[in-house]
PDB file of N, CA and C in Angstrom:
ATOM      1  N   UNK A   1      97.933 -45.003 123.491  1.00  0.00           N
ATOM      2  CA  UNK A   1      97.072 -43.567 123.188  1.00  0.00           C
ATOM      3  C   UNK A   1      95.911 -43.629 123.180  1.00  0.00           C
ATOM      4  N   UNK A   2      95.131 -42.548 123.996  1.00  0.00           N
ATOM      5  CA  UNK A   2      93.886 -42.651 124.321  1.00  0.00           C
ATOM      6  C   UNK A   2      92.806 -42.112 122.670  1.00  0.00           C
ATOM      7  N   UNK A   3      92.032 -43.061 122.531  1.00  0.00           N
ATOM      8  CA  UNK A   3      90.959 -42.741 121.087  1.00  0.00           C
ATOM      9  C   UNK A   3      90.306 -41.631 121.556  1.00  0.00           C
ATOM     10  N   UNK A   4      90.059 -40.543 120.429  1.00  0.00           N
ATOM     11  CA  UNK A   4      88.672 -39.773 120.829  1.00  0.00           C
ATOM     12  C   UNK A   4      87.464 -40.145 120.971  1.00  0.00           C
ATOM     13  N   UNK A   5      86.912 -39.297 122.008  1.00  0.00           N
ATOM     14  CA  UNK A   5      85.183 -39.460 122.062  1.00  0.00           C
ATOM     15  C   UNK A   5      84.741 -39.817 121.001  1.00  0.00           C
ATOM     16  N   UNK A   6      85.057 -39.558 119.527  1.00  0.00           N
ATOM     17  CA  UNK A   6      84.123 -39.826 118.510  1.00  0.00           C
ATOM     18  C   UNK A   6      84.500 -41.108 118.017  1.00  0.00           C
ATOM     19  N   UNK A   7      85.674 -41.565 118.387  1.00  0.00           N
ATOM     20  CA  UNK A   7      85.881 -42.888 117.735  1.00  0.00           C
ATOM     21  C   UNK A   7      84.960 -44.042 117.660  1.00  0.00           C
ATOM     22  N   UNK A   8      84.699 -44.812 116.985  1.00  0.00           N
ATOM     23  CA  UNK A   8      83.777 -45.763 116.955  1.00  0.00           C
ATOM     24  C   UNK A   8      84.408 -47.146 116.545  1.00  0.00           C
ATOM     25  N   UNK A   9      84.539 -47.990 117.330  1.00  0.00           N
ATOM     26  CA  UNK A   9      85.399 -49.186 116.733  1.00  0.00           C
ATOM     27  C   UNK A   9      84.462 -50.223 115.869  1.00  0.00           C
ATOM     28  N   UNK A  10      83.328 -50.240 115.858  1.00  0.00           N
ATOM     29  CA  UNK A  10      82.417 -51.241 114.840  1.00  0.00           C
ATOM     30  C   UNK A  10      82.383 -50.378 113.652  1.00  0.00           C
ATOM     31  N   UNK A  11      82.283 -48.980 113.674  1.00  0.00           N
ATOM     32  CA  UNK A  11      82.296 -48.050 112.561  1.00  0.00           C
ATOM     33  C   UNK A  11      83.527 -48.108 111.849  1.00  0.00           C
ATOM     34  N   UNK A  12      84.631 -47.989 112.711  1.00  0.00           N
ATOM     35  CA  UNK A  12      85.781 -47.757 112.107  1.00  0.00           C
ATOM     36  C   UNK A  12      86.110 -49.458 111.699  1.00  0.00           C
ATOM     37  N   UNK A  13      85.791 -50.105 112.002  1.00  0.00           N
ATOM     38  CA  UNK A  13      86.222 -51.395 111.243  1.00  0.00           C
ATOM     39  C   UNK A  13      85.480 -51.529 109.633  1.00  0.00           C
ATOM     40  N   UNK A  14      84.442 -51.028 109.670  1.00  0.00           N
ATOM     41  CA  UNK A  14      83.205 -51.161 108.548  1.00  0.00           C
ATOM     42  C   UNK A  14      83.929 -50.297 107.471  1.00  0.00           C
ATOM     43  N   UNK A  15      84.495 -48.963 108.020  1.00  0.00           N
ATOM     44  CA  UNK A  15      85.237 -47.999 107.197  1.00  0.00           C
ATOM     45  C   UNK A  15      86.022 -48.387 106.521  1.00  0.00           C
ATOM     46  N   UNK A  16      86.921 -49.627 106.858  1.00  0.00           N
ATOM     47  CA  UNK A  16      88.130 -50.198 106.108  1.00  0.00           C
ATOM     48  C   UNK A  16      87.654 -51.157 105.070  1.00  0.00           C
ATOM     49  N   UNK A  17      86.396 -51.234 104.902  1.00  0.00           N
ATOM     50  CA  UNK A  17      85.845 -51.813 103.587  1.00  0.00           C
ATOM     51  C   UNK A  17      85.531 -50.789 102.779  1.00  0.00           C
ATOM     52  N   UNK A  18      86.337 -50.660 101.469  1.00  0.00           N
ATOM     53  CA  UNK A  18      86.119 -49.205 100.597  1.00  0.00           C
ATOM     54  C   UNK A  18      84.686 -49.157  99.978  1.00  0.00           C
ATOM     55  N   UNK A  19      84.044 -50.348  99.701  1.00  0.00           N
ATOM     56  CA  UNK A  19      82.585 -50.332  99.390  1.00  0.00           C
ATOM     57  C   UNK A  19      81.866 -49.745 100.503  1.00  0.00           C
ATOM     58  N   UNK A  20      81.722 -50.207 101.651  1.00  0.00           N
ATOM     59  CA  UNK A  20      81.099 -49.541 102.676  1.00  0.00           C
ATOM     60  C   UNK A  20      81.321 -48.117 102.883  1.00  0.00           C
ATOM     61  N   UNK A  21      82.790 -47.477 102.967  1.00  0.00           N
ATOM     62  CA  UNK A  21      83.328 -46.330 103.068  1.00  0.00           C
ATOM     63  C   UNK A  21      82.821 -45.428 102.204  1.00  0.00           C
ATOM     64  N   UNK A  22      82.745 -45.972 100.773  1.00  0.00           N
ATOM     65  CA  UNK A  22      82.294 -44.998  99.601  1.00  0.00           C
ATOM     66  C   UNK A  22      80.899 -45.008  99.935  1.00  0.00           C
ATOM     67  N   UNK A  23      79.924 -45.884 100.318  1.00  0.00           N
ATOM     68  CA  UNK A  23      78.492 -45.460 100.527  1.00  0.00           C
ATOM     69  C   UNK A  23      78.577 -44.551 101.739  1.00  0.00           C
ATOM     70  N   UNK A  24      78.835 -44.536 102.754  1.00  0.00           N
ATOM     71  CA  UNK A  24      78.665 -43.978 103.702  1.00  0.00           C
ATOM     72  C   UNK A  24      78.996 -42.257 103.765  1.00  0.00           C
ATOM     73  N   UNK A  25      80.148 -42.032 102.953  1.00  0.00           N
ATOM     74  CA  UNK A  25      80.443 -40.816 102.659  1.00  0.00           C
ATOM     75  C   UNK A  25      79.146 -40.405 101.529  1.00  0.00           C
ATOM     76  N   UNK A  26      79.043 -41.224 100.443  1.00  0.00           N
ATOM     77  CA  UNK A  26      78.099 -40.700  99.674  1.00  0.00           C
ATOM     78  C   UNK A  26      76.743 -40.383 100.161  1.00  0.00           C
ATOM     79  N   UNK A  27      76.381 -40.938 101.428  1.00  0.00           N
ATOM     80  CA  UNK A  27      75.148 -40.736 102.140  1.00  0.00           C
ATOM     81  C   UNK A  27      75.354 -39.430 102.684  1.00  0.00           C
ATOM     82  N   UNK A  28      76.450 -39.161 103.461  1.00  0.00           N
ATOM     83  CA  UNK A  28      76.673 -37.880 103.982  1.00  0.00           C
ATOM     84  C   UNK A  28      76.686 -36.667 103.234  1.00  0.00           C
ATOM     85  N   UNK A  29      77.189 -36.690 102.083  1.00  0.00           N
ATOM     86  CA  UNK A  29      76.906 -35.720 101.387  1.00  0.00           C
ATOM     87  C   UNK A  29      75.892 -35.693  99.878  1.00  0.00           C
ATOM     88  N   UNK A  30      74.855 -36.207 100.327  1.00  0.00           N
ATOM     89  CA  UNK A  30      74.000 -36.792  99.352  1.00  0.00           C
ATOM     90  C   UNK A  30      73.017 -35.330  99.177  1.00  0.00           C
ATOM     91  N   UNK A  31      73.002 -34.698  97.756  1.00  0.00           N
ATOM     92  CA  UNK A  31      72.454 -33.282  97.430  1.00  0.00           C
ATOM     93  C   UNK A  31      71.023 -33.186  97.842  1.00  0.00           C
ATOM     94  N   UNK A  32      70.472 -34.554  97.487  1.00  0.00           N
ATOM     95  CA  UNK A  32      69.209 -34.327  97.820  1.00  0.00           C
ATOM     96  C   UNK A  32      68.279 -34.601  99.265  1.00  0.00           C
ATOM     97  N   UNK A  33      69.259 -34.789 100.212  1.00  0.00           N
ATOM     98  CA  UNK A  33      68.835 -34.768 101.606  1.00  0.00           C
ATOM     99  C   UNK A  33      69.479 -33.551 102.113  1.00  0.00           C
ATOM    100  N   UNK A  34      68.295 -33.114 103.187  1.00  0.00           N
ATOM    101  CA  UNK A  34      68.147 -31.786 103.534  1.00  0.00           C
ATOM    102  C   UNK A  34      69.392 -31.678 104.865  1.00  0.00           C
ATOM    103  N   UNK A  35      69.601 -33.019 105.597  1.00  0.00           N
ATOM    104  CA  UNK A  35      71.101 -33.232 106.107  1.00  0.00           C
ATOM    105  C   UNK A  35      72.123 -33.585 105.583  1.00  0.00           C
ATOM    106  N   UNK A  36      72.478 -33.084 104.501  1.00  0.00           N
ATOM    107  CA  UNK A  36      73.794 -33.368 103.665  1.00  0.00           C
ATOM    108  C   UNK A  36      74.677 -32.499 104.063  1.00  0.00           C
ATOM    109  N   UNK A  37      75.869 -32.861 103.890  1.00  0.00           N
ATOM    110  CA  UNK A  37      77.194 -31.749 104.520  1.00  0.00           C
ATOM    111  C   UNK A  37      78.038 -31.978 103.342  1.00  0.00           C
ATOM    112  N   UNK A  38      79.240 -31.098 103.388  1.00  0.00           N
ATOM    113  CA  UNK A  38      79.980 -30.811 102.891  1.00  0.00           C
ATOM    114  C   UNK A  38      80.878 -31.936 102.555  1.00  0.00           C
ATOM    115  N   UNK A  39      81.649 -31.933 101.616  1.00  0.00           N
ATOM    116  CA  UNK A  39      82.669 -33.051 101.183  1.00  0.00           C
ATOM    117  C   UNK A  39      83.510 -33.060 102.408  1.00  0.00           C
ATOM    118  N   UNK A  40      84.196 -31.941 102.761  1.00  0.00           N
ATOM    119  CA  UNK A  40      85.357 -31.932 103.756  1.00  0.00           C
ATOM    120  C   UNK A  40      84.654 -32.124 105.038  1.00  0.00           C
ATOM    121  N   UNK A  41      83.608 -31.928 104.814  1.00  0.00           N
ATOM    122  CA  UNK A  41      82.977 -32.299 106.659  1.00  0.00           C
ATOM    123  C   UNK A  41      82.747 -33.633 106.777  1.00  0.00           C
ATOM    124  N   UNK A  42      82.262 -34.334 105.500  1.00  0.00           N
ATOM    125  CA  UNK A  42      82.125 -35.812 105.566  1.00  0.00           C
ATOM    126  C   UNK A  42      83.566 -36.487 105.969  1.00  0.00           C
ATOM    127  N   UNK A  43      84.624 -36.067 105.084  1.00  0.00           N
ATOM    128  CA  UNK A  43      85.551 -36.448 105.266  1.00  0.00           C
ATOM    129  C   UNK A  43      86.365 -36.675 106.805  1.00  0.00           C
ATOM    130  N   UNK A  44      85.947 -35.298 107.591  1.00  0.00           N
ATOM    131  CA  UNK A  44      86.126 -35.412 109.153  1.00  0.00           C
ATOM    132  C   UNK A  44      85.745 -36.208 109.784  1.00  0.00           C
ATOM    133  N   UNK A  45      84.057 -36.132 109.452  1.00  0.00           N
ATOM    134  CA  UNK A  45      83.360 -37.142 110.313  1.00  0.00           C
ATOM    135  C   UNK A  45      84.041 -38.672 110.028  1.00  0.00           C
ATOM    136  N   UNK A  46      84.039 -39.169 108.993  1.00  0.00           N
ATOM    137  CA  UNK A  46      84.869 -40.481 108.883  1.00  0.00           C
ATOM    138  C   UNK A  46      86.199 -40.534 109.151  1.00  0.00           C
ATOM    139  N   UNK A  47      86.875 -39.839 109.127  1.00  0.00           N
ATOM    140  CA  UNK A  47      88.139 -39.730 109.684  1.00  0.00           C
ATOM    141  C   UNK A  47      88.198 -39.850 111.529  1.00  0.00           C
ATOM    142  N   UNK A  48      87.363 -38.833 111.836  1.00  0.00           N
ATOM    143  CA  UNK A  48      87.123 -39.059 113.379  1.00  0.00           C
ATOM    144  C   UNK A  48      86.368 -40.405 113.936  1.00  0.00           C
ATOM    145  N   UNK A  49      85.662 -40.967 112.918  1.00  0.00           N
ATOM    146  CA  UNK A  49      85.020 -42.327 113.554  1.00  0.00           C
ATOM    147  C   UNK A  49      86.117 -43.551 113.279  1.00  0.00           C
ATOM    148  N   UNK A  50      87.204 -43.461 112.221  1.00  0.00           N
ATOM    149  CA  UNK A  50      87.915 -44.528 111.535  1.00  0.00           C
ATOM    150  C   UNK A  50      89.270 -44.341 112.774  1.00  0.00           C
ATOM    151  N   UNK A  51      89.514 -43.100 113.215  1.00  0.00           N
ATOM    152  CA  UNK A  51      90.582 -43.149 113.949  1.00  0.00           C
ATOM    153  C   UNK A  51      91.764 -42.302 112.904  1.00  0.00           C
ATOM    154  N   UNK A  52      92.473 -41.420 113.763  1.00  0.00           N
ATOM    155  CA  UNK A  52      93.276 -40.475 112.902  1.00  0.00           C
ATOM    156  C   UNK A  52      94.696 -41.375 112.472  1.00  0.00           C
ATOM    157  N   UNK A  53      95.014 -42.125 113.224  1.00  0.00           N
ATOM    158  CA  UNK A  53      96.273 -43.068 112.937  1.00  0.00           C
ATOM    159  C   UNK A  53      96.008 -44.133 111.517  1.00  0.00           C
ATOM    160  N   UNK A  54      94.987 -44.712 111.890  1.00  0.00           N
ATOM    161  CA  UNK A  54      94.464 -45.531 110.383  1.00  0.00           C
ATOM    162  C   UNK A  54      94.108 -44.467 109.313  1.00  0.00           C
ATOM    163  N   UNK A  55      93.806 -43.482 109.417  1.00  0.00           N
ATOM    164  CA  UNK A  55      93.420 -43.197 108.424  1.00  0.00           C
ATOM    165  C   UNK A  55      94.905 -42.243 107.560  1.00  0.00           C
ATOM    166  N   UNK A  56      95.721 -41.800 108.471  1.00  0.00           N
ATOM    167  CA  UNK A  56      97.157 -41.282 107.856  1.00  0.00           C
ATOM    168  C   UNK A  56      97.646 -42.442 107.312  1.00  0.00           C
ATOM    169  N   UNK A  57      97.202 -43.602 108.075  1.00  0.00           N
ATOM    170  CA  UNK A  57      98.300 -44.713 107.032  1.00  0.00           C
ATOM    171  C   UNK A  57      97.446 -45.160 105.602  1.00  0.00           C
ATOM    172  N   UNK A  58      96.365 -44.863 105.694  1.00  0.00           N
ATOM    173  CA  UNK A  58      95.642 -45.192 104.474  1.00  0.00           C
ATOM    174  C   UNK A  58      95.844 -44.046 103.409  1.00  0.00           C
ATOM    175  N   UNK A  59      95.488 -42.863 103.762  1.00  0.00           N
ATOM    176  CA  UNK A  59      95.925 -41.950 103.023  1.00  0.00           C
ATOM    177  C   UNK A  59      97.422 -41.502 102.509  1.00  0.00           C
ATOM    178  N   UNK A  60      98.010 -41.989 103.430  1.00  0.00           N
ATOM    179  CA  UNK A  60      99.762 -41.580 102.949  1.00  0.00           C
ATOM    180  C   UNK A  60      99.993 -40.027 103.337  1.00  0.00           C
ATOM    181  N   UNK A  61      99.357 -39.900 104.703  1.00  0.00           N
ATOM    182  CA  UNK A  61      99.919 -38.733 105.232  1.00  0.00           C
ATOM    183  C   UNK A  61     100.204 -38.656 106.396  1.00  0.00           C
ATOM    184  N   UNK A  62     100.923 -37.648 107.250  1.00  0.00           N
ATOM    185  CA  UNK A  62     101.514 -37.579 108.612  1.00  0.00           C
ATOM    186  C   UNK A  62     100.221 -37.486 109.487  1.00  0.00           C
ATOM    187  N   UNK A  63     100.084 -38.167 110.501  1.00  0.00           N
ATOM    188  CA  UNK A  63      98.949 -38.146 111.476  1.00  0.00           C
ATOM    189  C   UNK A  63      98.553 -36.598 111.946  1.00  0.00           C
ATOM    190  N   UNK A  64      99.853 -36.052 112.123  1.00  0.00           N
ATOM    191  CA  UNK A  64      99.737 -34.720 112.325  1.00  0.00           C
ATOM    192  C   UNK A  64      98.979 -33.752 111.539  1.00  0.00           C
ATOM    193  N   UNK A  65      99.451 -34.127 110.139  1.00  0.00           N
ATOM    194  CA  UNK A  65      98.406 -33.308 109.171  1.00  0.00           C
ATOM    195  C   UNK A  65      96.978 -33.664 109.348  1.00  0.00           C
ATOM    196  N   UNK A  66      96.777 -35.315 109.308  1.00  0.00           N
ATOM    197  CA  UNK A  66      95.102 -35.344 109.589  1.00  0.00           C
ATOM    198  C   UNK A  66      94.771 -34.853 110.891  1.00  0.00           C
ATOM    199  N   UNK A  67      95.446 -34.638 111.673  1.00  0.00           N
ATOM    200  CA  UNK A  67      94.752 -34.137 112.828  1.00  0.00           C
ATOM    201  C   UNK A  67      94.467 -32.637 112.985  1.00  0.00           C
ATOM    202  N   UNK A  68      95.315 -31.765 112.108  1.00  0.00           N
ATOM    203  CA  UNK A  68      95.139 -30.360 111.985  1.00  0.00           C
ATOM    204  C   UNK A  68      94.151 -30.363 110.794  1.00  0.00           C
ATOM    205  N   UNK A  69      94.062 -31.272 109.909  1.00  0.00           N
ATOM    206  CA  UNK A  69      92.508 -31.124 109.222  1.00  0.00           C
ATOM    207  C   UNK A  69      91.339 -31.229 110.091  1.00  0.00           C
ATOM    208  N   UNK A  70      91.400 -32.423 110.748  1.00  0.00           N
ATOM    209  CA  UNK A  70      90.235 -32.638 111.652  1.00  0.00           C
ATOM    210  C   UNK A  70      89.895 -31.183 112.318  1.00  0.00           C
ATOM    211  N   UNK A  71      90.827 -30.479 113.230  1.00  0.00           N
ATOM    212  CA  UNK A  71      90.798 -29.445 113.747  1.00  0.00           C
ATOM    213  C   UNK A  71      90.483 -27.985 113.261  1.00  0.00           C
ATOM    214  N   UNK A  72      90.470 -28.342 111.547  1.00  0.00           N
ATOM    215  CA  UNK A  72      90.089 -26.802 110.858  1.00  0.00           C
ATOM    216  C   UNK A  72      91.336 -26.138 110.692  1.00  0.00           C
ATOM    217  N   UNK A  73      92.539 -26.780 111.488  1.00  0.00           N
ATOM    218  CA  UNK A  73      93.581 -25.595 111.311  1.00  0.00           C
ATOM    219  C   UNK A  73      94.662 -25.724 110.175  1.00  0.00           C
ATOM    220  N   UNK A  74      94.012 -26.568 109.285  1.00  0.00           N
ATOM    221  CA  UNK A  74      94.437 -27.312 107.911  1.00  0.00           C
ATOM    222  C   UNK A  74      93.638 -27.373 107.227  1.00  0.00           C
ATOM    223  N   UNK A  75      93.551 -26.474 105.981  1.00  0.00           N
ATOM    224  CA  UNK A  75      92.873 -26.423 104.713  1.00  0.00           C
ATOM    225  C   UNK A  75      93.126 -26.938 103.615  1.00  0.00           C
ATOM    226  N   UNK A  76      92.504 -28.118 102.988  1.00  0.00           N
ATOM    227  CA  UNK A  76      93.256 -29.090 102.176  1.00  0.00           C
ATOM    228  C   UNK A  76      93.280 -28.227 100.774  1.00  0.00           C
ATOM    229  N   UNK A  77      94.425 -28.580 100.346  1.00  0.00           N
ATOM    230  CA  UNK A  77      94.480 -28.159  98.481  1.00  0.00           C
ATOM    231  C   UNK A  77      93.808 -29.152  97.916  1.00  0.00           C
ATOM    232  N   UNK A  78      93.530 -28.776  96.659  1.00  0.00           N
ATOM    233  CA  UNK A  78      92.305 -29.911  95.960  1.00  0.00           C
ATOM    234  C   UNK A  78      93.372 -31.133  95.621  1.00  0.00           C
ATOM    235  N   UNK A  79      94.717 -31.079  95.333  1.00  0.00           N
ATOM    236  CA  UNK A  79      95.409 -32.151  95.352  1.00  0.00           C
ATOM    237  C   UNK A  79      95.637 -32.992  96.735  1.00  0.00           C
ATOM    238  N   UNK A  80      95.430 -32.662  97.727  1.00  0.00           N
ATOM    239  CA  UNK A  80      95.797 -33.358  99.012  1.00  0.00           C
ATOM    240  C   UNK A  80      94.186 -33.847  99.030  1.00  0.00           C
ATOM    241  N   UNK A  81      93.003 -32.967  98.872  1.00  0.00           N
ATOM    242  CA  UNK A  81      91.645 -33.700  99.103  1.00  0.00           C
ATOM    243  C   UNK A  81      91.483 -34.858  98.146  1.00  0.00           C
ATOM    244  N   UNK A  82      92.125 -34.837  97.054  1.00  0.00           N
ATOM    245  CA  UNK A  82      92.109 -35.843  96.378  1.00  0.00           C
ATOM    246  C   UNK A  82      92.563 -37.356  96.917  1.00  0.00           C
ATOM    247  N   UNK A  83      93.816 -36.963  97.420  1.00  0.00           N
ATOM    248  CA  UNK A  83      94.486 -38.026  98.284  1.00  0.00           C
ATOM    249  C   UNK A  83      93.758 -38.688  99.451  1.00  0.00           C
ATOM    250  N   UNK A  84      93.000 -37.840  99.936  1.00  0.00           N
ATOM    251  CA  UNK A  84      92.029 -38.126 101.065  1.00  0.00           C
ATOM    252  C   UNK A  84      91.050 -38.975 100.703  1.00  0.00           C
ATOM    253  N   UNK A  85      90.478 -38.672  99.594  1.00  0.00           N
ATOM    254  CA  UNK A  85      89.305 -39.380  99.056  1.00  0.00           C
ATOM    255  C   UNK A  85      89.252 -40.323  98.064  1.00  0.00           C
ATOM    256  N   UNK A  86      90.504 -40.955  97.580  1.00  0.00           N
ATOM    257  CA  UNK A  86      90.926 -41.630  96.596  1.00  0.00           C
ATOM    258  C   UNK A  86      90.741 -43.177  97.444  1.00  0.00           C
ATOM    259  N   UNK A  87      91.219 -43.318  98.692  1.00  0.00           N
ATOM    260  CA  UNK A  87      91.244 -44.568  98.970  1.00  0.00           C
ATOM    261  C   UNK A  87      89.802 -45.214  99.322  1.00  0.00           C
ATOM    262  N   UNK A  88      88.681 -44.176  99.079  1.00  0.00           N
ATOM    263  CA  UNK A  88      87.528 -44.275  99.133  1.00  0.00           C
ATOM    264  C   UNK A  88      86.656 -44.734  97.885  1.00  0.00           C
ATOM    265  N   UNK A  89      87.440 -44.823  96.680  1.00  0.00           N
ATOM    266  CA  UNK A  89      86.745 -44.853  95.326  1.00  0.00           C
ATOM    267  C   UNK A  89      86.248 -43.794  95.014  1.00  0.00           C
ATOM    268  N   UNK A  90      86.473 -42.564  95.443  1.00  0.00           N
ATOM    269  CA  UNK A  90      85.600 -41.222  95.362  1.00  0.00           C
ATOM    270  C   UNK A  90      86.406 -40.181  94.341  1.00  0.00           C
ATOM    271  N   UNK A  91      85.482 -39.496  93.481  1.00  0.00           N
ATOM    272  CA  UNK A  91      86.145 -38.247  93.139  1.00  0.00           C
ATOM    273  C   UNK A  91      85.208 -37.251  93.343  1.00  0.00           C
ATOM    274  N   UNK A  92      85.723 -36.085  93.585  1.00  0.00           N
ATOM    275  CA  UNK A  92      85.092 -34.463  93.345  1.00  0.00           C
ATOM    276  C   UNK A  92      84.758 -34.020  92.321  1.00  0.00           C
ATOM    277  N   UNK A  93      83.339 -33.776  91.856  1.00  0.00           N
ATOM    278  CA  UNK A  93      83.125 -33.422  90.638  1.00  0.00           C
ATOM    279  C   UNK A  93      82.483 -31.759  90.870  1.00  0.00           C
ATOM    280  N   UNK A  94      83.040 -30.918  90.300  1.00  0.00           N
ATOM    281  CA  UNK A  94      82.425 -29.451  90.513  1.00  0.00           C
ATOM    282  C   UNK A  94      81.789 -28.970  89.234  1.00  0.00           C
ATOM    283  N   UNK A  95      80.565 -28.461  89.854  1.00  0.00           N
ATOM    284  CA  UNK A  95      79.842 -27.936  88.672  1.00  0.00           C
ATOM    285  C   UNK A  95      79.056 -26.709  89.085  1.00  0.00           C
ATOM    286  N   UNK A  96      79.052 -26.121  87.645  1.00  0.00           N
ATOM    287  CA  UNK A  96      78.367 -24.594  87.766  1.00  0.00           C
ATOM    288  C   UNK A  96      77.099 -24.807  87.368  1.00  0.00           C
ATOM    289  N   UNK A  97      76.168 -24.149  88.049  1.00  0.00           N
ATOM    290  CA  UNK A  97      74.729 -24.221  87.689  1.00  0.00           C
ATOM    291  C   UNK A  97      74.301 -22.888  87.898  1.00  0.00           C
ATOM    292  N   UNK A  98      72.877 -22.970  87.066  1.00  0.00           N
ATOM    293  CA  UNK A  98      72.446 -21.639  86.923  1.00  0.00           C
ATOM    294  C   UNK A  98      71.174 -21.552  88.164  1.00  0.00           C
ATOM    295  N   UNK A  99      71.127 -20.765  88.814  1.00  0.00           N
ATOM    296  CA  UNK A  99      70.083 -20.790  89.723  1.00  0.00           C
ATOM    297  C   UNK A  99      68.798 -19.645  89.685  1.00  0.00           C
TER     298      UNK A  99
END
């Protein structure tokens, strides 16, 4: 099967290291950075770089579901989002702030 254009072999290998993957995702969503992106978009980027098949195995979901998430035709429920971020040793923290 042909890999997507966004697949990156070197980055894919690095993302298999949980510590690297964790830092990669945290850097993408860094709230202090003007280029920060949303958590789901960071996951999509990481998944596209590592490959959907590898990600599906890692998170315990069907490849078709991972593909739908990447194509934005599937929104993740909080439970599923937690399953997708768990292998990276991350948790989602929701806060309400005064603006």
